[in-house]
Amino acid sequence: MSPKNAQRESLLDLSREEQWVLHHVILDCIEMESRAPESTDSPALAVYRVFEKLERGTHRFSQRECQCIRDELRQYVDS
């Protein structure tokens, strides 16, 4: 990763429990898409990127990925 890209990412300091909750919410979003009718929009690419990073144990996220995390957590809580 170039230094320019590294500056655009934020490190989220998550407890083990917070990591688990975030992983669950993102995975739920992906799984809901697989159960949804074909006419339903797929999750944003950022959802998959967040999931991949969580699976690798990475907690550095781009601004777009942080927005995705906020949106998905908010939607999960509101549902």
N, C-alpha and C. Protein backbone atom coordinates (compact mmCIF):
# COMPACT_ATOMS: atom_id res chain seq x y z
N MET A 1 0.85 -1.17 0.00
CA MET A 1 0.00 0.00 0.00
C MET A 1 0.90 1.23 0.00
N SER A 2 0.59 2.16 -0.83
CA SER A 2 1.40 3.37 -0.90
C SER A 2 1.10 4.26 0.30
N PRO A 3 2.06 5.11 0.69
CA PRO A 3 1.82 6.03 1.82
C PRO A 3 0.60 6.92 1.59
N LYS A 4 0.36 7.30 0.32
CA LYS A 4 -0.79 8.15 0.01
C LYS A 4 -2.09 7.44 0.38
N ASN A 5 -2.21 6.14 0.05
CA ASN A 5 -3.41 5.38 0.39
C ASN A 5 -3.52 5.15 1.89
N ALA A 6 -2.39 4.93 2.56
CA ALA A 6 -2.41 4.68 4.00
C ALA A 6 -2.96 5.89 4.76
N GLN A 7 -2.70 7.09 4.26
CA GLN A 7 -3.18 8.30 4.93
C GLN A 7 -4.70 8.42 4.82
N ARG A 8 -5.28 7.78 3.86
CA ARG A 8 -6.73 7.87 3.65
C ARG A 8 -7.49 6.82 4.46
N GLU A 9 -6.80 6.00 5.20
CA GLU A 9 -7.45 4.96 5.98
C GLU A 9 -7.43 5.31 7.46
N SER A 10 -8.44 4.82 8.15
CA SER A 10 -8.53 5.04 9.59
C SER A 10 -8.45 3.69 10.29
N LEU A 11 -7.77 3.69 11.41
CA LEU A 11 -7.67 2.48 12.23
C LEU A 11 -8.80 2.52 13.24
N LEU A 12 -9.63 1.48 13.23
CA LEU A 12 -10.70 1.38 14.21
C LEU A 12 -10.21 0.51 15.36
N ASP A 13 -10.23 1.05 16.55
CA ASP A 13 -9.81 0.32 17.74
C ASP A 13 -11.04 -0.40 18.29
N LEU A 14 -11.19 -1.66 17.92
CA LEU A 14 -12.37 -2.43 18.29
C LEU A 14 -12.02 -3.50 19.31
N SER A 15 -12.88 -3.63 20.32
CA SER A 15 -12.72 -4.73 21.26
C SER A 15 -13.07 -6.02 20.54
N ARG A 16 -12.77 -7.13 21.15
CA ARG A 16 -13.11 -8.43 20.56
C ARG A 16 -14.62 -8.53 20.32
N GLU A 17 -15.40 -8.07 21.28
CA GLU A 17 -16.86 -8.11 21.15
C GLU A 17 -17.34 -7.21 20.01
N GLU A 18 -16.75 -6.02 19.89
CA GLU A 18 -17.13 -5.11 18.82
C GLU A 18 -16.76 -5.69 17.45
N GLN A 19 -15.62 -6.36 17.37
CA GLN A 19 -15.23 -7.01 16.13
C GLN A 19 -16.25 -8.07 15.75
N TRP A 20 -16.69 -8.85 16.74
CA TRP A 20 -17.65 -9.91 16.48
C TRP A 20 -18.96 -9.33 15.98
N VAL A 21 -19.45 -8.28 16.64
CA VAL A 21 -20.72 -7.65 16.24
C VAL A 21 -20.61 -7.10 14.83
N LEU A 22 -19.55 -6.39 14.54
CA LEU A 22 -19.37 -5.82 13.20
C LEU A 22 -19.31 -6.94 12.15
N HIS A 23 -18.55 -7.97 12.43
CA HIS A 23 -18.46 -9.11 11.51
C HIS A 23 -19.85 -9.70 11.28
N HIS A 24 -20.61 -9.89 12.34
CA HIS A 24 -21.96 -10.46 12.23
C HIS A 24 -22.86 -9.58 11.37
N VAL A 25 -22.83 -8.28 11.60
CA VAL A 25 -23.69 -7.35 10.85
C VAL A 25 -23.33 -7.36 9.37
N ILE A 26 -22.05 -7.32 9.06
CA ILE A 26 -21.62 -7.30 7.65
C ILE A 26 -21.95 -8.63 6.98
N LEU A 27 -21.70 -9.73 7.67
CA LEU A 27 -22.03 -11.04 7.11
C LEU A 27 -23.53 -11.17 6.89
N ASP A 28 -24.32 -10.67 7.82
CA ASP A 28 -25.77 -10.70 7.68
C ASP A 28 -26.21 -9.94 6.44
N CYS A 29 -25.60 -8.81 6.21
CA CYS A 29 -25.92 -8.00 5.02
C CYS A 29 -25.64 -8.81 3.74
N ILE A 30 -24.51 -9.48 3.70
CA ILE A 30 -24.13 -10.27 2.52
C ILE A 30 -25.08 -11.46 2.36
N GLU A 31 -25.40 -12.13 3.46
CA GLU A 31 -26.29 -13.29 3.39
C GLU A 31 -27.72 -12.89 3.02
N MET A 32 -28.16 -11.74 3.47
CA MET A 32 -29.51 -11.27 3.11
C MET A 32 -29.60 -11.07 1.60
N GLU A 33 -28.54 -10.61 0.99
CA GLU A 33 -28.53 -10.40 -0.46
C GLU A 33 -28.69 -11.75 -1.17
N SER A 34 -28.08 -12.80 -0.65
CA SER A 34 -28.18 -14.09 -1.32
C SER A 34 -29.59 -14.67 -1.21
N ARG A 35 -30.36 -14.25 -0.21
CA ARG A 35 -31.74 -14.73 -0.02
C ARG A 35 -32.77 -13.80 -0.67
N ALA A 36 -32.34 -12.66 -1.12
CA ALA A 36 -33.26 -11.64 -1.65
C ALA A 36 -33.66 -11.98 -3.08
N PRO A 37 -34.79 -11.44 -3.51
CA PRO A 37 -35.21 -11.62 -4.91
C PRO A 37 -34.16 -11.01 -5.85
N GLU A 38 -34.14 -11.50 -7.06
CA GLU A 38 -33.15 -11.04 -8.04
C GLU A 38 -33.25 -9.54 -8.31
N SER A 39 -34.40 -8.97 -8.12
CA SER A 39 -34.59 -7.54 -8.40
C SER A 39 -33.96 -6.65 -7.33
N THR A 40 -33.52 -7.25 -6.23
CA THR A 40 -32.92 -6.48 -5.13
C THR A 40 -31.48 -6.12 -5.48
N ASP A 41 -31.11 -4.90 -5.14
CA ASP A 41 -29.73 -4.47 -5.39
C ASP A 41 -28.76 -5.23 -4.49
N SER A 42 -27.59 -5.53 -5.03
CA SER A 42 -26.54 -6.17 -4.25
C SER A 42 -25.94 -5.15 -3.29
N PRO A 43 -25.35 -5.64 -2.19
CA PRO A 43 -24.67 -4.71 -1.28
C PRO A 43 -23.55 -3.97 -2.02
N ALA A 44 -23.20 -2.82 -1.52
CA ALA A 44 -22.11 -2.04 -2.10
C ALA A 44 -20.81 -2.84 -2.03
N LEU A 45 -19.93 -2.57 -2.96
CA LEU A 45 -18.62 -3.23 -2.98
C LEU A 45 -17.90 -3.04 -1.65
N ALA A 46 -18.11 -1.90 -1.02
CA ALA A 46 -17.45 -1.61 0.26
C ALA A 46 -17.83 -2.64 1.33
N VAL A 47 -19.05 -3.19 1.26
CA VAL A 47 -19.48 -4.21 2.23
C VAL A 47 -18.55 -5.42 2.12
N TYR A 48 -18.28 -5.84 0.90
CA TYR A 48 -17.41 -7.00 0.69
C TYR A 48 -15.97 -6.69 1.11
N ARG A 49 -15.53 -5.47 0.84
CA ARG A 49 -14.17 -5.09 1.26
C ARG A 49 -14.04 -5.09 2.78
N VAL A 50 -15.04 -4.55 3.46
CA VAL A 50 -15.04 -4.55 4.93
C VAL A 50 -14.99 -5.98 5.44
N PHE A 51 -15.83 -6.84 4.87
CA PHE A 51 -15.87 -8.23 5.30
C PHE A 51 -14.51 -8.91 5.11
N GLU A 52 -13.90 -8.71 3.95
CA GLU A 52 -12.59 -9.31 3.67
C GLU A 52 -11.53 -8.81 4.67
N LYS A 53 -11.55 -7.53 4.97
CA LYS A 53 -10.59 -6.98 5.92
C LYS A 53 -10.81 -7.55 7.31
N LEU A 54 -12.07 -7.67 7.72
CA LEU A 54 -12.36 -8.25 9.03
C LEU A 54 -11.89 -9.70 9.10
N GLU A 55 -12.10 -10.44 8.03
CA GLU A 55 -11.66 -11.84 7.97
C GLU A 55 -10.14 -11.95 8.09
N ARG A 56 -9.42 -10.96 7.55
CA ARG A 56 -7.95 -10.97 7.63
C ARG A 56 -7.44 -10.39 8.95
N GLY A 57 -8.34 -9.87 9.76
CA GLY A 57 -7.93 -9.28 11.03
C GLY A 57 -7.45 -7.85 10.90
N THR A 58 -7.77 -7.23 9.78
CA THR A 58 -7.37 -5.84 9.53
C THR A 58 -8.43 -4.90 10.07
N HIS A 59 -7.99 -3.82 10.69
CA HIS A 59 -8.93 -2.82 11.21
C HIS A 59 -8.67 -1.44 10.63
N ARG A 60 -8.06 -1.39 9.47
CA ARG A 60 -7.85 -0.13 8.75
C ARG A 60 -8.86 -0.06 7.62
N PHE A 61 -9.62 1.03 7.62
CA PHE A 61 -10.69 1.15 6.64
C PHE A 61 -10.63 2.51 5.96
N SER A 62 -10.96 2.51 4.68
CA SER A 62 -11.02 3.76 3.93
C SER A 62 -12.23 4.57 4.42
N GLN A 63 -12.29 5.81 3.99
CA GLN A 63 -13.41 6.66 4.36
C GLN A 63 -14.72 6.05 3.87
N ARG A 64 -14.72 5.54 2.65
CA ARG A 64 -15.93 4.91 2.08
C ARG A 64 -16.31 3.68 2.89
N GLU A 65 -15.33 2.88 3.30
CA GLU A 65 -15.61 1.68 4.10
C GLU A 65 -16.15 2.06 5.48
N CYS A 66 -15.61 3.12 6.07
CA CYS A 66 -16.13 3.60 7.37
C CYS A 66 -17.57 4.05 7.24
N GLN A 67 -17.89 4.73 6.15
CA GLN A 67 -19.27 5.14 5.90
C GLN A 67 -20.16 3.92 5.75
N CYS A 68 -19.67 2.92 5.05
CA CYS A 68 -20.41 1.68 4.87
C CYS A 68 -20.67 1.01 6.23
N ILE A 69 -19.66 0.98 7.08
CA ILE A 69 -19.81 0.39 8.42
C ILE A 69 -20.89 1.13 9.20
N ARG A 70 -20.84 2.46 9.19
CA ARG A 70 -21.86 3.25 9.89
C ARG A 70 -23.25 2.96 9.34
N ASP A 71 -23.37 2.94 8.02
CA ASP A 71 -24.67 2.71 7.39
C ASP A 71 -25.23 1.33 7.73
N GLU A 72 -24.39 0.32 7.66
CA GLU A 72 -24.84 -1.05 7.91
C GLU A 72 -25.20 -1.25 9.38
N LEU A 73 -24.42 -0.68 10.28
CA LEU A 73 -24.74 -0.79 11.71
C LEU A 73 -26.05 -0.06 12.03
N ARG A 74 -26.23 1.11 11.45
CA ARG A 74 -27.45 1.88 11.67
C ARG A 74 -28.66 1.11 11.13
N GLN A 75 -28.53 0.58 9.95
CA GLN A 75 -29.64 -0.16 9.34
C GLN A 75 -29.96 -1.42 10.17
N TYR A 76 -28.94 -2.08 10.67
CA TYR A 76 -29.14 -3.28 11.47
C TYR A 76 -29.88 -2.95 12.78
N VAL A 77 -29.47 -1.87 13.41
CA VAL A 77 -30.11 -1.47 14.67
C VAL A 77 -31.55 -1.05 14.43
N ASP A 78 -31.81 -0.37 13.32
CA ASP A 78 -33.15 0.11 13.02
C ASP A 78 -34.10 -1.00 12.57
N SER A 79 -33.57 -2.14 12.19
CA SER A 79 -34.45 -3.21 11.67
C SER A 79 -35.01 -4.08 12.78
